């Protein structure tokens, strides 16, 4: 079970953590990271999402992305998501 930290619209922590994929209340936000990988020709790496993904199964997507887990820094989450892909 993964948990995410919640923030206000100005990215100030609300000191509240919820389970990943739980519905957010008004004024609550979670941090999502995305990375794009380009080659020397300027072409971007894309991928087709797995059919068993919770969000957007079988759809084309950017190189990697996902939620920042509780206690994690954004740049670490971006590195982790890229490594997972």
Protein backbone atom coordinates (compact mmCIF):
# COMPACT_ATOMS: atom_id res chain seq x y z
CA UNK A 1 0.00 0.00 0.00
CA UNK A 2 1.45 3.38 -1.05
CA UNK A 3 0.67 6.72 0.54
CA UNK A 4 1.00 10.26 -0.81
CA UNK A 5 1.44 13.59 0.95
CA UNK A 6 -1.16 16.28 0.33
CA UNK A 7 -0.53 19.94 -0.46
CA UNK A 8 -2.50 23.12 -1.03
CA UNK A 9 -2.59 24.89 -4.41
CA UNK A 10 0.66 26.72 -3.53
CA UNK A 11 2.47 23.41 -2.83
CA UNK A 12 2.45 24.02 0.91
CA UNK A 13 2.16 20.77 2.87
CA UNK A 14 -1.19 20.09 4.49
CA UNK A 15 0.52 17.64 6.88
CA UNK A 16 -1.92 15.02 5.69
CA UNK A 17 -1.23 11.69 3.99
CA UNK A 18 -3.72 9.49 2.13
CA UNK A 19 -3.59 6.16 0.33
CA UNK A 20 -2.62 6.41 -3.34
CA UNK A 21 -5.69 6.60 -5.62
CA UNK A 22 -7.95 7.81 -2.80
CA UNK A 23 -10.21 10.67 -3.84
CA UNK A 24 -8.96 14.14 -2.97
CA UNK A 25 -11.09 16.71 -1.19
CA UNK A 26 -11.47 20.24 -2.53
CA UNK A 27 -8.24 22.18 -2.04
CA UNK A 28 -6.09 19.05 -1.72
CA UNK A 29 -3.39 18.25 -4.25
CA UNK A 30 -0.71 15.61 -4.66
CA UNK A 31 2.54 16.00 -6.57
CA UNK A 32 2.92 14.17 -9.86
CA UNK A 33 6.21 14.02 -11.79
CA UNK A 34 6.83 13.46 -15.48
CA UNK A 35 10.08 12.91 -17.34
CA UNK A 36 10.73 13.11 -21.05
CA UNK A 37 13.71 11.41 -22.66
CA UNK A 38 15.07 12.81 -25.94
CA UNK A 39 17.80 11.46 -28.20
CA UNK A 40 20.36 13.60 -30.07
CA UNK A 41 17.92 13.99 -32.99
CA UNK A 42 15.38 15.61 -30.68
CA UNK A 43 13.06 12.60 -30.84
CA UNK A 44 11.14 11.86 -27.66
CA UNK A 45 10.88 8.35 -26.25
CA UNK A 46 7.26 7.32 -25.76
CA UNK A 47 5.74 4.11 -24.49
CA UNK A 48 2.47 2.24 -24.66
CA UNK A 49 1.02 1.75 -21.19
CA UNK A 50 0.28 -1.74 -19.96
CA UNK A 51 -3.30 -3.03 -20.21
CA UNK A 52 -3.37 -3.60 -16.44
CA UNK A 53 -2.58 0.05 -15.52
CA UNK A 54 -5.15 1.76 -13.27
CA UNK A 55 -5.11 4.99 -15.31
CA UNK A 56 -5.10 5.17 -19.12
CA UNK A 57 -4.45 1.48 -19.94
CA UNK A 58 -3.16 0.74 -23.48
CA UNK A 59 -2.59 4.44 -24.21
CA UNK A 60 0.59 6.07 -25.51
CA UNK A 61 2.42 8.07 -22.86
CA UNK A 62 5.51 10.18 -22.24
CA UNK A 63 8.73 8.54 -21.14
CA UNK A 64 7.74 8.14 -17.48
CA UNK A 65 5.66 9.67 -14.75
CA UNK A 66 3.82 8.99 -11.56
CA UNK A 67 2.98 10.13 -8.07
CA UNK A 68 5.43 11.27 -5.46
CA UNK A 69 5.12 8.90 -2.51
CA UNK A 70 4.87 10.20 1.05
CA UNK A 71 8.13 11.68 2.30
CA UNK A 72 9.78 11.61 -1.13
CA UNK A 73 11.36 14.58 -2.94
CA UNK A 74 10.15 15.35 -6.49
CA UNK A 75 13.53 14.78 -8.14
CA UNK A 76 13.90 11.40 -6.41
CA UNK A 77 10.41 10.43 -7.58
CA UNK A 78 11.31 11.41 -11.16
CA UNK A 79 14.46 9.28 -11.01
CA UNK A 80 12.51 6.36 -9.51
CA UNK A 81 9.75 6.56 -12.10
CA UNK A 82 12.27 6.66 -14.96
CA UNK A 83 14.14 3.68 -13.51
CA UNK A 84 10.86 1.73 -13.14
CA UNK A 85 10.10 2.22 -16.83
